[in-house]
Amino acid sequence: MMRGLTYRSERGYTLMEVLIVATIVGILVTVGTVQYLEVKRRAKEHYCAQRLAQLAVYEHMYFKDFGSYGDWNDLRNQGYIDMDYIHEDDELLHYRRPYYIQEYELDFNIAEGEAGFEIVATPVVNQTHLWYPRWIPLGGINDLRSMKVQEDAVVKWLDSGRPVL
């Protein structure tokens, strides 16, 4: 019997098979990541819209009690907003405004007397921190949309005026 001349059947994958599988897995991961980030963005926008609607309810309650609409400090000082949402002087997160809606800045525009109110939520995109990165959608900053709520308590997109919810 001759040694070394025996034929053994070795089982394994060819390089081409491995490359095809790696390419397919890469495509699936890319598509999955894109969809995940889009769902995450929509969830944050939905959460923001819910919070704005709640602020409109607080404004109406404040108006019923005091005869005029109030700004952030008025709502906070009268107990309409929980103290857990107050991080106005938080240097670590670079916030200078109320932290009622995560990653959004709130602007209260209160008209004199009974004229009305408008609360605008603008996404924070230009600030980052090592331990708390800001989110930016795949389309870039242009995909981030601001919202507003007025006396009718309907949350609308700031640019188009169409309802969010």
N, C-alpha and C. Protein backbone atom coordinates (compact mmCIF):
# COMPACT_ATOMS: atom_id res chain seq x y z
N MET A 1 0.83 -1.17 0.00
CA MET A 1 0.00 0.00 0.00
C MET A 1 0.88 1.24 0.00
N MET A 2 0.52 2.23 -0.76
CA MET A 2 1.34 3.43 -0.89
C MET A 2 0.81 4.51 0.03
N ARG A 3 1.71 5.05 0.75
CA ARG A 3 1.32 6.13 1.65
C ARG A 3 1.28 7.45 0.90
N GLY A 4 0.40 8.33 1.30
CA GLY A 4 0.32 9.65 0.71
C GLY A 4 -0.49 9.69 -0.57
N LEU A 5 -0.74 8.58 -1.18
CA LEU A 5 -1.50 8.57 -2.40
C LEU A 5 -2.96 8.22 -2.17
N THR A 6 -3.30 8.01 -0.93
CA THR A 6 -4.70 7.72 -0.64
C THR A 6 -5.53 8.99 -0.79
N TYR A 7 -6.68 8.87 -1.37
CA TYR A 7 -7.55 10.01 -1.62
C TYR A 7 -8.55 10.14 -0.48
N ARG A 8 -8.51 11.29 0.19
CA ARG A 8 -9.46 11.56 1.26
C ARG A 8 -10.44 12.62 0.80
N SER A 9 -11.64 12.47 1.18
CA SER A 9 -12.64 13.47 0.86
C SER A 9 -12.68 14.50 1.99
N GLU A 10 -12.23 15.72 1.71
CA GLU A 10 -12.25 16.78 2.72
C GLU A 10 -13.49 17.64 2.51
N ARG A 11 -14.17 17.92 3.61
CA ARG A 11 -15.38 18.72 3.54
C ARG A 11 -15.06 20.12 4.03
N GLY A 12 -15.65 21.12 3.40
CA GLY A 12 -15.44 22.51 3.80
C GLY A 12 -16.14 23.45 2.84
N TYR A 13 -15.96 24.74 3.06
CA TYR A 13 -16.59 25.75 2.21
C TYR A 13 -15.54 26.37 1.33
N THR A 14 -15.95 26.73 0.15
CA THR A 14 -15.03 27.43 -0.75
C THR A 14 -15.03 28.91 -0.39
N LEU A 15 -14.05 29.60 -0.86
CA LEU A 15 -13.94 31.03 -0.62
C LEU A 15 -15.14 31.78 -1.20
N MET A 16 -15.58 31.36 -2.34
CA MET A 16 -16.73 32.01 -2.98
C MET A 16 -17.99 31.87 -2.12
N GLU A 17 -18.23 30.73 -1.55
CA GLU A 17 -19.40 30.52 -0.69
C GLU A 17 -19.34 31.41 0.54
N VAL A 18 -18.17 31.52 1.13
CA VAL A 18 -18.01 32.36 2.31
C VAL A 18 -18.26 33.83 1.96
N LEU A 19 -17.74 34.29 0.83
CA LEU A 19 -17.94 35.68 0.42
C LEU A 19 -19.40 35.99 0.13
N ILE A 20 -20.10 35.06 -0.50
CA ILE A 20 -21.52 35.27 -0.79
C ILE A 20 -22.32 35.37 0.50
N VAL A 21 -22.08 34.48 1.45
CA VAL A 21 -22.79 34.52 2.73
C VAL A 21 -22.46 35.81 3.49
N ALA A 22 -21.20 36.22 3.48
CA ALA A 22 -20.82 37.47 4.17
C ALA A 22 -21.50 38.67 3.54
N THR A 23 -21.62 38.68 2.22
CA THR A 23 -22.29 39.79 1.53
C THR A 23 -23.77 39.83 1.89
N ILE A 24 -24.42 38.70 1.90
CA ILE A 24 -25.84 38.64 2.25
C ILE A 24 -26.07 39.10 3.69
N VAL A 25 -25.23 38.64 4.60
CA VAL A 25 -25.35 39.05 6.00
C VAL A 25 -25.13 40.55 6.13
N GLY A 26 -24.16 41.11 5.40
CA GLY A 26 -23.90 42.55 5.44
C GLY A 26 -25.08 43.36 4.95
N ILE A 27 -25.72 42.90 3.88
CA ILE A 27 -26.90 43.60 3.36
C ILE A 27 -28.04 43.56 4.37
N LEU A 28 -28.27 42.40 4.97
CA LEU A 28 -29.35 42.28 5.96
C LEU A 28 -29.10 43.16 7.18
N VAL A 29 -27.86 43.23 7.63
CA VAL A 29 -27.52 44.07 8.79
C VAL A 29 -27.73 45.54 8.44
N THR A 30 -27.34 45.95 7.24
CA THR A 30 -27.51 47.34 6.82
C THR A 30 -28.98 47.71 6.76
N VAL A 31 -29.79 46.88 6.13
CA VAL A 31 -31.22 47.16 6.03
C VAL A 31 -31.85 47.17 7.42
N GLY A 32 -31.48 46.24 8.25
CA GLY A 32 -32.03 46.19 9.61
C GLY A 32 -31.65 47.41 10.43
N THR A 33 -30.43 47.88 10.28
CA THR A 33 -29.99 49.06 11.02
C THR A 33 -30.75 50.30 10.58
N VAL A 34 -30.92 50.44 9.28
CA VAL A 34 -31.66 51.59 8.76
C VAL A 34 -33.10 51.59 9.30
N GLN A 35 -33.74 50.45 9.26
CA GLN A 35 -35.11 50.36 9.75
C GLN A 35 -35.17 50.61 11.26
N TYR A 36 -34.21 50.10 11.99
CA TYR A 36 -34.16 50.30 13.44
C TYR A 36 -34.03 51.79 13.78
N LEU A 37 -33.13 52.49 13.08
CA LEU A 37 -32.94 53.91 13.36
C LEU A 37 -34.17 54.73 12.99
N GLU A 38 -34.86 54.33 11.93
CA GLU A 38 -36.08 55.03 11.55
C GLU A 38 -37.18 54.81 12.59
N VAL A 39 -37.32 53.61 13.07
CA VAL A 39 -38.32 53.33 14.12
C VAL A 39 -37.97 54.09 15.39
N LYS A 40 -36.70 54.16 15.71
CA LYS A 40 -36.26 54.88 16.90
C LYS A 40 -36.58 56.38 16.77
N ARG A 41 -36.34 56.95 15.59
CA ARG A 41 -36.65 58.36 15.36
C ARG A 41 -38.14 58.62 15.50
N ARG A 42 -38.96 57.76 14.91
CA ARG A 42 -40.40 57.94 14.99
C ARG A 42 -40.90 57.80 16.42
N ALA A 43 -40.32 56.90 17.17
CA ALA A 43 -40.71 56.74 18.57
C ALA A 43 -40.40 58.00 19.38
N LYS A 44 -39.25 58.61 19.13
CA LYS A 44 -38.90 59.83 19.84
C LYS A 44 -39.82 60.98 19.45
N GLU A 45 -40.18 61.05 18.17
CA GLU A 45 -41.11 62.08 17.74
C GLU A 45 -42.49 61.87 18.35
N HIS A 46 -42.93 60.63 18.43
CA HIS A 46 -44.23 60.32 19.02
C HIS A 46 -44.24 60.68 20.51
N TYR A 47 -43.15 60.35 21.20
CA TYR A 47 -43.02 60.69 22.61
C TYR A 47 -43.07 62.21 22.80
N CYS A 48 -42.37 62.93 21.94
CA CYS A 48 -42.37 64.39 22.01
C CYS A 48 -43.78 64.93 21.81
N ALA A 49 -44.50 64.39 20.84
CA ALA A 49 -45.86 64.85 20.58
C ALA A 49 -46.77 64.60 21.78
N GLN A 50 -46.62 63.46 22.42
CA GLN A 50 -47.42 63.16 23.61
C GLN A 50 -47.12 64.14 24.74
N ARG A 51 -45.85 64.44 24.92
CA ARG A 51 -45.47 65.39 25.98
C ARG A 51 -45.99 66.79 25.68
N LEU A 52 -45.94 67.20 24.43
CA LEU A 52 -46.46 68.52 24.07
C LEU A 52 -47.96 68.59 24.33
N ALA A 53 -48.67 67.53 23.99
CA ALA A 53 -50.11 67.49 24.25
C ALA A 53 -50.38 67.60 25.75
N GLN A 54 -49.54 66.95 26.55
CA GLN A 54 -49.70 67.04 28.00
C GLN A 54 -49.43 68.46 28.50
N LEU A 55 -48.44 69.12 27.91
CA LEU A 55 -48.18 70.51 28.29
C LEU A 55 -49.37 71.41 27.94
N ALA A 56 -50.04 71.13 26.84
CA ALA A 56 -51.23 71.92 26.49
C ALA A 56 -52.33 71.72 27.53
N VAL A 57 -52.47 70.51 28.03
CA VAL A 57 -53.45 70.25 29.10
C VAL A 57 -53.07 71.03 30.35
N TYR A 58 -51.78 71.03 30.69
CA TYR A 58 -51.32 71.80 31.85
C TYR A 58 -51.60 73.29 31.66
N GLU A 59 -51.40 73.78 30.45
CA GLU A 59 -51.68 75.20 30.18
C GLU A 59 -53.15 75.51 30.40
N HIS A 60 -54.03 74.64 29.95
CA HIS A 60 -55.47 74.88 30.15
C HIS A 60 -55.84 74.81 31.63
N MET A 61 -55.23 73.89 32.35
CA MET A 61 -55.48 73.82 33.79
C MET A 61 -54.98 75.09 34.48
N TYR A 62 -53.81 75.56 34.07
CA TYR A 62 -53.25 76.78 34.65
C TYR A 62 -54.15 77.97 34.33
N PHE A 63 -54.64 78.02 33.09
CA PHE A 63 -55.53 79.12 32.69
C PHE A 63 -56.82 79.11 33.52
N LYS A 64 -57.34 77.93 33.75
CA LYS A 64 -58.58 77.81 34.53
C LYS A 64 -58.36 78.30 35.97
N ASP A 65 -57.17 78.02 36.51
CA ASP A 65 -56.88 78.41 37.89
C ASP A 65 -56.47 79.87 38.04
N PHE A 66 -55.74 80.43 37.05
CA PHE A 66 -55.15 81.75 37.23
C PHE A 66 -55.61 82.80 36.21
N GLY A 67 -56.40 82.40 35.21
CA GLY A 67 -56.93 83.38 34.26
C GLY A 67 -55.98 83.79 33.16
N SER A 68 -54.80 83.21 33.10
CA SER A 68 -53.86 83.48 32.01
C SER A 68 -53.00 82.23 31.81
N TYR A 69 -52.33 82.18 30.67
CA TYR A 69 -51.44 81.05 30.40
C TYR A 69 -50.09 81.30 31.05
N GLY A 70 -49.40 80.22 31.40
CA GLY A 70 -48.11 80.36 32.06
C GLY A 70 -46.96 79.79 31.26
N ASP A 71 -45.77 80.26 31.57
CA ASP A 71 -44.58 79.71 30.92
C ASP A 71 -44.06 78.53 31.74
N TRP A 72 -42.88 78.05 31.40
CA TRP A 72 -42.31 76.88 32.07
C TRP A 72 -42.20 77.11 33.57
N ASN A 73 -41.69 78.25 33.98
CA ASN A 73 -41.51 78.52 35.41
C ASN A 73 -42.84 78.59 36.14
N ASP A 74 -43.84 79.17 35.50
CA ASP A 74 -45.17 79.25 36.13
C ASP A 74 -45.74 77.85 36.36
N LEU A 75 -45.67 77.02 35.33
CA LEU A 75 -46.20 75.65 35.45
C LEU A 75 -45.43 74.85 36.49
N ARG A 76 -44.13 75.03 36.52
CA ARG A 76 -43.30 74.31 37.48
C ARG A 76 -43.57 74.78 38.91
N ASN A 77 -43.60 76.08 39.10
CA ASN A 77 -43.77 76.62 40.46
C ASN A 77 -45.13 76.31 41.05
N GLN A 78 -46.15 76.16 40.21
CA GLN A 78 -47.49 75.86 40.71
C GLN A 78 -47.74 74.36 40.81
N GLY A 79 -46.76 73.53 40.49
CA GLY A 79 -46.87 72.09 40.70
C GLY A 79 -47.50 71.32 39.56
N TYR A 80 -47.67 71.94 38.40
CA TYR A 80 -48.23 71.20 37.27
C TYR A 80 -47.21 70.25 36.65
N ILE A 81 -45.95 70.61 36.73
CA ILE A 81 -44.87 69.80 36.17
C ILE A 81 -44.06 69.21 37.31
N ASP A 82 -43.81 67.93 37.25
CA ASP A 82 -43.06 67.22 38.27
C ASP A 82 -41.63 67.74 38.34
N MET A 83 -41.09 67.83 39.52
CA MET A 83 -39.73 68.35 39.71
C MET A 83 -38.66 67.43 39.11
N ASP A 84 -39.00 66.19 38.78
CA ASP A 84 -38.01 65.30 38.17
C ASP A 84 -37.58 65.77 36.79
N TYR A 85 -38.34 66.65 36.17
CA TYR A 85 -38.02 67.10 34.82
C TYR A 85 -37.25 68.41 34.80
N ILE A 86 -36.71 68.81 35.93
CA ILE A 86 -36.03 70.09 35.99
C ILE A 86 -34.53 69.88 36.03
N HIS A 87 -33.90 70.16 34.92
CA HIS A 87 -32.45 70.06 34.80
C HIS A 87 -31.93 71.25 34.01
N GLU A 88 -32.40 72.42 34.35
CA GLU A 88 -32.06 73.60 33.56
C GLU A 88 -30.59 73.97 33.66
N ASP A 89 -29.93 73.64 34.76
CA ASP A 89 -28.54 74.04 34.96
C ASP A 89 -27.58 72.86 34.85
N ASP A 90 -27.97 71.83 34.13
CA ASP A 90 -27.16 70.63 34.01
C ASP A 90 -26.04 70.86 33.01
N GLU A 91 -24.81 71.07 33.49
CA GLU A 91 -23.69 71.36 32.61
C GLU A 91 -23.22 70.11 31.88
N LEU A 92 -23.38 68.94 32.47
CA LEU A 92 -22.92 67.71 31.82
C LEU A 92 -23.66 67.48 30.51
N LEU A 93 -24.95 67.73 30.50
CA LEU A 93 -25.75 67.52 29.29
C LEU A 93 -25.90 68.79 28.45
N HIS A 94 -25.30 69.88 28.89
CA HIS A 94 -25.31 71.14 28.15
C HIS A 94 -26.72 71.69 27.96
N TYR A 95 -27.59 71.47 28.91
CA TYR A 95 -28.95 72.00 28.80
C TYR A 95 -29.04 73.36 29.45
N ARG A 96 -29.70 74.26 28.80
CA ARG A 96 -29.99 75.56 29.37
C ARG A 96 -31.51 75.75 29.46
N ARG A 97 -32.27 74.73 29.07
CA ARG A 97 -33.71 74.82 29.02
C ARG A 97 -34.32 73.63 29.77
N PRO A 98 -35.63 73.67 29.96
CA PRO A 98 -36.28 72.56 30.67
C PRO A 98 -36.05 71.21 29.99
N TYR A 99 -35.88 70.20 30.81
CA TYR A 99 -35.61 68.86 30.32
C TYR A 99 -36.88 68.02 30.46
N TYR A 100 -37.93 68.48 29.84
CA TYR A 100 -39.21 67.78 29.94
C TYR A 100 -39.35 66.75 28.84
N ILE A 101 -38.79 67.03 27.68
CA ILE A 101 -38.81 66.11 26.55
C ILE A 101 -37.36 65.87 26.16
N GLN A 102 -36.92 64.63 26.28
CA GLN A 102 -35.52 64.31 26.06
C GLN A 102 -35.09 64.70 24.65
N GLU A 103 -33.97 65.39 24.55
CA GLU A 103 -33.32 65.80 23.31
C GLU A 103 -34.11 66.83 22.52
N TYR A 104 -35.03 67.53 23.18
CA TYR A 104 -35.75 68.64 22.56
C TYR A 104 -35.65 69.85 23.47
N GLU A 105 -35.57 71.02 22.88
CA GLU A 105 -35.63 72.27 23.63
C GLU A 105 -37.05 72.82 23.51
N LEU A 106 -37.54 73.36 24.60
CA LEU A 106 -38.90 73.91 24.62
C LEU A 106 -38.86 75.43 24.65
N ASP A 107 -39.68 76.05 23.82
CA ASP A 107 -39.85 77.50 23.83
C ASP A 107 -41.32 77.80 24.09
N PHE A 108 -41.59 78.53 25.14
CA PHE A 108 -42.95 78.92 25.49
C PHE A 108 -43.19 80.33 24.98
N ASN A 109 -44.18 80.48 24.12
CA ASN A 109 -44.59 81.78 23.61
C ASN A 109 -45.99 82.06 24.15
N ILE A 110 -46.04 82.90 25.16
CA ILE A 110 -47.29 83.19 25.84
C ILE A 110 -47.75 84.59 25.45
N ALA A 111 -48.97 84.68 24.92
CA ALA A 111 -49.54 85.98 24.57
C ALA A 111 -50.13 86.61 25.83
N GLU A 112 -50.31 87.89 25.78
CA GLU A 112 -50.84 88.61 26.93
C GLU A 112 -52.30 88.23 27.20
N GLY A 113 -52.63 88.05 28.44
CA GLY A 113 -54.01 87.79 28.84
C GLY A 113 -54.55 86.48 28.31
N GLU A 114 -55.71 86.55 27.68
CA GLU A 114 -56.38 85.35 27.19
C GLU A 114 -56.06 85.05 25.72
N ALA A 115 -55.08 85.73 25.15
CA ALA A 115 -54.83 85.63 23.72
C ALA A 115 -54.35 84.23 23.31
N GLY A 116 -53.63 83.53 24.13
CA GLY A 116 -53.23 82.18 23.79
C GLY A 116 -51.78 81.87 24.09
N PHE A 117 -51.38 80.68 23.65
CA PHE A 117 -50.02 80.23 23.88
C PHE A 117 -49.58 79.36 22.71
N GLU A 118 -48.27 79.21 22.62
CA GLU A 118 -47.67 78.28 21.66
C GLU A 118 -46.42 77.73 22.31
N ILE A 119 -46.29 76.41 22.30
CA ILE A 119 -45.09 75.76 22.83
C ILE A 119 -44.42 75.06 21.66
N VAL A 120 -43.16 75.38 21.42
CA VAL A 120 -42.42 74.82 20.30
C VAL A 120 -41.33 73.91 20.85
N ALA A 121 -41.26 72.69 20.32
CA ALA A 121 -40.21 71.74 20.68
C ALA A 121 -39.25 71.62 19.50
N THR A 122 -37.99 72.00 19.73
CA THR A 122 -36.96 71.96 18.69
C THR A 122 -35.92 70.92 19.07
N PRO A 123 -35.59 70.01 18.16
CA PRO A 123 -34.57 69.00 18.48
C PRO A 123 -33.20 69.62 18.71
N VAL A 124 -32.48 69.06 19.66
CA VAL A 124 -31.11 69.49 19.94
C VAL A 124 -30.19 68.64 19.08
N VAL A 125 -29.46 69.26 18.16
CA VAL A 125 -28.61 68.49 17.26
C VAL A 125 -27.17 68.94 17.24
N ASN A 126 -26.88 70.11 17.72
CA ASN A 126 -25.53 70.63 17.58
C ASN A 126 -24.64 70.40 18.79
N GLN A 127 -25.12 69.66 19.75
CA GLN A 127 -24.33 69.45 20.96
C GLN A 127 -24.12 67.95 21.18
N THR A 128 -22.92 67.59 21.50
CA THR A 128 -22.63 66.19 21.81
C THR A 128 -21.83 66.11 23.10
N HIS A 129 -21.88 64.99 23.71
CA HIS A 129 -21.11 64.72 24.91
C HIS A 129 -20.71 63.27 24.89
N LEU A 130 -19.55 62.97 25.41
CA LEU A 130 -19.01 61.62 25.34
C LEU A 130 -19.95 60.59 25.94
N TRP A 131 -20.61 60.92 27.05
CA TRP A 131 -21.46 59.94 27.72
C TRP A 131 -22.92 60.02 27.30
N TYR A 132 -23.26 61.00 26.54
CA TYR A 132 -24.65 61.19 26.17
C TYR A 132 -24.74 61.74 24.75
N PRO A 133 -24.55 60.91 23.74
CA PRO A 133 -24.57 61.43 22.36
C PRO A 133 -25.96 61.82 21.92
N ARG A 134 -26.05 62.86 21.12
CA ARG A 134 -27.31 63.28 20.54
C ARG A 134 -27.59 62.40 19.33
N TRP A 135 -28.84 62.23 19.00
CA TRP A 135 -29.22 61.39 17.87
C TRP A 135 -29.46 62.27 16.65
N ILE A 136 -29.02 61.77 15.51
CA ILE A 136 -29.28 62.44 14.24
C ILE A 136 -29.78 61.38 13.28
N PRO A 137 -30.92 61.58 12.64
CA PRO A 137 -31.43 60.57 11.73
C PRO A 137 -30.53 60.39 10.51
N LEU A 138 -30.80 59.33 9.76
CA LEU A 138 -29.95 59.00 8.63
C LEU A 138 -29.94 60.10 7.57
N GLY A 139 -31.03 60.80 7.41
CA GLY A 139 -31.09 61.88 6.43
C GLY A 139 -30.35 63.13 6.86
N GLY A 140 -29.79 63.12 8.05
CA GLY A 140 -29.07 64.28 8.55
C GLY A 140 -29.98 65.21 9.33
N ILE A 141 -29.49 66.40 9.54
CA ILE A 141 -30.19 67.37 10.35
C ILE A 141 -31.53 67.76 9.72
N ASN A 142 -31.62 67.70 8.39
CA ASN A 142 -32.86 68.09 7.73
C ASN A 142 -34.02 67.16 8.07
N ASP A 143 -33.75 65.95 8.54
CA ASP A 143 -34.82 65.03 8.91
C ASP A 143 -35.39 65.32 10.30
N LEU A 144 -34.68 66.10 11.08
CA LEU A 144 -35.18 66.44 12.41
C LEU A 144 -36.25 67.51 12.27
N ARG A 145 -37.40 67.27 12.87
CA ARG A 145 -38.50 68.20 12.68
C ARG A 145 -38.97 68.76 14.02
N SER A 146 -39.27 70.02 14.01
CA SER A 146 -39.79 70.69 15.19
C SER A 146 -41.31 70.56 15.22
N MET A 147 -41.86 70.63 16.43
CA MET A 147 -43.31 70.51 16.63
C MET A 147 -43.79 71.69 17.47
N LYS A 148 -45.09 71.93 17.39
CA LYS A 148 -45.68 72.98 18.21
C LYS A 148 -47.06 72.54 18.67
N VAL A 149 -47.50 73.15 19.73
CA VAL A 149 -48.87 72.95 20.22
C VAL A 149 -49.40 74.31 20.63
N GLN A 150 -50.70 74.52 20.36
CA GLN A 150 -51.34 75.79 20.70
C GLN A 150 -52.58 75.50 21.54
N GLU A 151 -53.46 76.47 21.63
CA GLU A 151 -54.63 76.35 22.50
C GLU A 151 -55.52 75.17 22.15
N ASP A 152 -55.56 74.79 20.88
CA ASP A 152 -56.44 73.68 20.50
C ASP A 152 -55.90 72.32 20.92
N ALA A 153 -54.69 72.27 21.48
CA ALA A 153 -54.04 71.06 22.01
C ALA A 153 -53.74 70.02 20.93
N VAL A 154 -53.72 70.44 19.66
CA VAL A 154 -53.35 69.54 18.58
C VAL A 154 -51.87 69.78 18.29
N VAL A 155 -51.08 68.74 18.42
CA VAL A 155 -49.65 68.86 18.16
C VAL A 155 -49.44 68.81 16.65
N LYS A 156 -48.73 69.84 16.14
CA LYS A 156 -48.52 69.97 14.70
C LYS A 156 -47.04 70.11 14.39
N TRP A 157 -46.68 69.73 13.16
CA TRP A 157 -45.31 69.98 12.69
C TRP A 157 -45.15 71.47 12.51
N LEU A 158 -44.02 72.00 12.90
CA LEU A 158 -43.80 73.43 12.82
C LEU A 158 -43.71 73.90 11.36
N ASP A 159 -43.08 73.09 10.50
CA ASP A 159 -42.86 73.54 9.11
C ASP A 159 -44.13 73.46 8.26
N SER A 160 -44.94 72.42 8.44
CA SER A 160 -46.11 72.25 7.57
C SER A 160 -47.43 72.58 8.25
N GLY A 161 -47.48 72.56 9.56
CA GLY A 161 -48.73 72.81 10.27
C GLY A 161 -49.67 71.62 10.29
N ARG A 162 -49.23 70.47 9.77
CA ARG A 162 -50.08 69.27 9.78
C ARG A 162 -49.99 68.58 11.13
N PRO A 163 -51.06 67.94 11.58
CA PRO A 163 -51.04 67.24 12.87
C PRO A 163 -50.01 66.11 12.89
N VAL A 164 -49.38 65.92 14.04
CA VAL A 164 -48.36 64.86 14.20
C VAL A 164 -49.05 63.53 14.48
N LEU A 165 -49.98 63.52 15.41
CA LEU A 165 -50.64 62.29 15.81
C LEU A 165 -51.92 62.06 15.04
